[in-house]
Amino acid sequence: MISLIDVIKQTGNQEMIQQQMTKLLGEWGIHCAITGEMIPLIDLRYWNMEMNEVYHDANIMFKRHLEIVELKKDM
């Protein structure tokens, strides 16, 4: 079975593949769970796997973390 990576390697040079992937990751994105701001996948750095949420930056992530801790205390 040929993988997608093998097909990509056979159809173009490494530099071209890198440029195409960077372009795709810059165009595709996901919305911040708190602000709704679009985050390009290439810039995605902050997420909470337990809550299945992504965050625009570390400050937003930390504030959300504190909220979650408080919610868990109240349970």
N, C-alpha and C. Protein backbone atom coordinates (compact mmCIF):
# COMPACT_ATOMS: atom_id res chain seq x y z
N MET A 1 0.84 -1.18 0.00
CA MET A 1 0.00 0.00 0.00
C MET A 1 0.89 1.24 0.00
N ILE A 2 0.59 2.18 -0.86
CA ILE A 2 1.36 3.43 -0.96
C ILE A 2 0.68 4.48 -0.08
N SER A 3 1.50 5.15 0.74
CA SER A 3 0.95 6.18 1.61
C SER A 3 0.87 7.52 0.87
N LEU A 4 0.12 8.43 1.44
CA LEU A 4 0.02 9.77 0.88
C LEU A 4 1.39 10.44 0.82
N ILE A 5 2.20 10.21 1.84
CA ILE A 5 3.56 10.79 1.86
C ILE A 5 4.37 10.28 0.68
N ASP A 6 4.27 8.99 0.36
CA ASP A 6 4.99 8.42 -0.78
C ASP A 6 4.55 9.07 -2.09
N VAL A 7 3.25 9.27 -2.22
CA VAL A 7 2.73 9.91 -3.43
C VAL A 7 3.26 11.33 -3.56
N ILE A 8 3.25 12.07 -2.46
CA ILE A 8 3.76 13.45 -2.47
C ILE A 8 5.24 13.46 -2.84
N LYS A 9 6.00 12.54 -2.25
CA LYS A 9 7.43 12.48 -2.53
C LYS A 9 7.70 12.18 -4.00
N GLN A 10 6.88 11.35 -4.60
CA GLN A 10 7.07 10.97 -6.00
C GLN A 10 6.66 12.07 -6.97
N THR A 11 5.81 12.98 -6.53
CA THR A 11 5.26 13.98 -7.46
C THR A 11 5.90 15.35 -7.36
N GLY A 12 6.78 15.57 -6.42
CA GLY A 12 7.38 16.90 -6.31
C GLY A 12 8.62 16.88 -5.45
N ASN A 13 9.38 17.96 -5.52
CA ASN A 13 10.59 18.03 -4.70
C ASN A 13 10.24 18.48 -3.28
N GLN A 14 11.15 18.26 -2.37
CA GLN A 14 10.89 18.53 -0.95
C GLN A 14 10.57 20.00 -0.69
N GLU A 15 11.26 20.91 -1.35
CA GLU A 15 11.03 22.34 -1.13
C GLU A 15 9.61 22.72 -1.57
N MET A 16 9.20 22.20 -2.72
CA MET A 16 7.86 22.49 -3.22
C MET A 16 6.81 21.93 -2.25
N ILE A 17 7.02 20.73 -1.74
CA ILE A 17 6.10 20.11 -0.79
C ILE A 17 6.01 20.97 0.47
N GLN A 18 7.13 21.41 0.97
CA GLN A 18 7.17 22.26 2.17
C GLN A 18 6.38 23.54 1.94
N GLN A 19 6.57 24.18 0.80
CA GLN A 19 5.85 25.41 0.48
C GLN A 19 4.34 25.17 0.40
N GLN A 20 3.95 24.07 -0.22
CA GLN A 20 2.52 23.77 -0.36
C GLN A 20 1.89 23.49 1.00
N MET A 21 2.56 22.74 1.85
CA MET A 21 2.02 22.43 3.16
C MET A 21 1.93 23.68 4.02
N THR A 22 2.92 24.54 3.97
CA THR A 22 2.90 25.79 4.73
C THR A 22 1.73 26.66 4.27
N LYS A 23 1.51 26.71 2.96
CA LYS A 23 0.40 27.50 2.42
C LYS A 23 -0.94 26.93 2.89
N LEU A 24 -1.10 25.62 2.82
CA LEU A 24 -2.35 25.01 3.26
C LEU A 24 -2.60 25.24 4.75
N LEU A 25 -1.58 25.05 5.56
CA LEU A 25 -1.75 25.23 7.00
C LEU A 25 -2.03 26.68 7.36
N GLY A 26 -1.51 27.60 6.57
CA GLY A 26 -1.79 29.02 6.79
C GLY A 26 -3.19 29.41 6.38
N GLU A 27 -3.77 28.69 5.41
CA GLU A 27 -5.11 29.00 4.92
C GLU A 27 -6.19 28.32 5.76
N TRP A 28 -5.91 27.13 6.24
CA TRP A 28 -6.89 26.39 7.03
C TRP A 28 -6.77 26.84 8.47
N GLY A 29 -7.88 26.92 9.16
CA GLY A 29 -7.82 27.35 10.54
C GLY A 29 -8.97 26.82 11.36
N ILE A 30 -8.96 27.20 12.61
CA ILE A 30 -9.98 26.80 13.57
C ILE A 30 -10.25 28.00 14.47
N HIS A 31 -11.46 28.08 14.98
CA HIS A 31 -11.83 29.23 15.80
C HIS A 31 -11.46 29.02 17.26
N CYS A 32 -10.98 30.10 17.89
CA CYS A 32 -10.70 30.09 19.32
C CYS A 32 -12.01 29.83 20.06
N ALA A 33 -11.98 28.95 21.05
CA ALA A 33 -13.18 28.59 21.80
C ALA A 33 -13.73 29.75 22.61
N ILE A 34 -12.91 30.72 22.94
CA ILE A 34 -13.33 31.83 23.79
C ILE A 34 -13.66 33.07 22.97
N THR A 35 -12.74 33.49 22.10
CA THR A 35 -12.93 34.74 21.36
C THR A 35 -13.60 34.55 20.01
N GLY A 36 -13.56 33.33 19.48
CA GLY A 36 -14.11 33.08 18.15
C GLY A 36 -13.17 33.49 17.02
N GLU A 37 -12.02 34.02 17.39
CA GLU A 37 -11.03 34.48 16.41
C GLU A 37 -10.45 33.28 15.64
N MET A 38 -10.27 33.45 14.33
CA MET A 38 -9.72 32.38 13.51
C MET A 38 -8.22 32.23 13.77
N ILE A 39 -7.79 30.99 14.01
CA ILE A 39 -6.39 30.68 14.24
C ILE A 39 -5.93 29.79 13.09
N PRO A 40 -4.98 30.27 12.26
CA PRO A 40 -4.45 29.39 11.22
C PRO A 40 -3.81 28.15 11.86
N LEU A 41 -3.98 26.99 11.24
CA LEU A 41 -3.44 25.76 11.82
C LEU A 41 -1.94 25.85 12.06
N ILE A 42 -1.26 26.58 11.20
CA ILE A 42 0.20 26.69 11.36
C ILE A 42 0.57 27.44 12.63
N ASP A 43 -0.36 28.26 13.16
CA ASP A 43 -0.10 29.04 14.37
C ASP A 43 -0.73 28.43 15.62
N LEU A 44 -1.40 27.31 15.49
CA LEU A 44 -2.09 26.70 16.62
C LEU A 44 -1.08 26.18 17.64
N ARG A 45 -1.13 26.74 18.84
CA ARG A 45 -0.18 26.36 19.89
C ARG A 45 -0.86 25.97 21.20
N TYR A 46 -2.09 26.44 21.42
CA TYR A 46 -2.72 26.30 22.73
C TYR A 46 -4.06 25.59 22.61
N TRP A 47 -4.20 24.48 23.31
CA TRP A 47 -5.46 23.77 23.30
C TRP A 47 -5.60 22.96 24.59
N ASN A 48 -6.85 22.59 24.87
CA ASN A 48 -7.16 21.77 26.02
C ASN A 48 -7.80 20.50 25.49
N MET A 49 -7.10 19.39 25.59
CA MET A 49 -7.61 18.13 25.03
C MET A 49 -8.82 17.64 25.82
N GLU A 50 -8.83 17.83 27.12
CA GLU A 50 -9.94 17.37 27.95
C GLU A 50 -11.25 18.07 27.56
N MET A 51 -11.17 19.37 27.30
CA MET A 51 -12.36 20.16 26.96
C MET A 51 -12.58 20.24 25.45
N ASN A 52 -11.60 19.75 24.68
CA ASN A 52 -11.64 19.83 23.22
C ASN A 52 -11.82 21.27 22.75
N GLU A 53 -10.98 22.15 23.30
CA GLU A 53 -11.02 23.58 22.98
C GLU A 53 -9.64 24.05 22.53
N VAL A 54 -9.63 24.99 21.60
CA VAL A 54 -8.38 25.64 21.19
C VAL A 54 -8.45 27.11 21.59
N TYR A 55 -7.29 27.70 21.80
CA TYR A 55 -7.22 29.08 22.28
C TYR A 55 -6.24 29.88 21.44
N HIS A 56 -6.53 31.15 21.32
CA HIS A 56 -5.72 32.04 20.49
C HIS A 56 -4.33 32.27 21.08
N ASP A 57 -4.26 32.42 22.41
CA ASP A 57 -2.94 32.67 23.02
C ASP A 57 -2.90 32.10 24.44
N ALA A 58 -1.74 32.21 25.06
CA ALA A 58 -1.52 31.63 26.38
C ALA A 58 -2.36 32.32 27.45
N ASN A 59 -2.56 33.63 27.34
CA ASN A 59 -3.36 34.34 28.34
C ASN A 59 -4.80 33.84 28.35
N ILE A 60 -5.38 33.66 27.18
CA ILE A 60 -6.74 33.16 27.08
C ILE A 60 -6.81 31.74 27.62
N MET A 61 -5.82 30.93 27.28
CA MET A 61 -5.79 29.54 27.75
C MET A 61 -5.73 29.50 29.28
N PHE A 62 -4.89 30.35 29.88
CA PHE A 62 -4.74 30.36 31.33
C PHE A 62 -6.02 30.81 32.02
N LYS A 63 -6.66 31.85 31.50
CA LYS A 63 -7.93 32.31 32.07
C LYS A 63 -8.99 31.21 32.00
N ARG A 64 -9.05 30.51 30.88
CA ARG A 64 -10.00 29.42 30.73
C ARG A 64 -9.68 28.29 31.70
N HIS A 65 -8.41 28.01 31.90
CA HIS A 65 -7.99 26.99 32.85
C HIS A 65 -8.51 27.32 34.25
N LEU A 66 -8.38 28.57 34.65
CA LEU A 66 -8.87 28.98 35.98
C LEU A 66 -10.38 28.82 36.07
N GLU A 67 -11.10 29.14 35.00
CA GLU A 67 -12.55 28.94 34.97
C GLU A 67 -12.90 27.46 35.16
N ILE A 68 -12.19 26.61 34.46
CA ILE A 68 -12.46 25.17 34.52
C ILE A 68 -12.19 24.64 35.93
N VAL A 69 -11.11 25.10 36.55
CA VAL A 69 -10.78 24.69 37.92
C VAL A 69 -11.92 25.10 38.86
N GLU A 70 -12.43 26.32 38.72
CA GLU A 70 -13.53 26.79 39.56
C GLU A 70 -14.80 25.95 39.32
N LEU A 71 -15.08 25.65 38.07
CA LEU A 71 -16.26 24.83 37.76
C LEU A 71 -16.16 23.45 38.41
N LYS A 72 -14.97 22.87 38.38
CA LYS A 72 -14.77 21.55 38.98
C LYS A 72 -14.92 21.59 40.50
N LYS A 73 -14.52 22.70 41.12
CA LYS A 73 -14.66 22.85 42.57
C LYS A 73 -16.12 22.87 42.97
N ASP A 74 -16.95 23.52 42.15
CA ASP A 74 -18.37 23.67 42.44
C ASP A 74 -19.17 22.39 42.23
N MET A 75 -18.60 21.40 41.60
CA MET A 75 -19.33 20.15 41.33
C MET A 75 -19.45 19.29 42.55
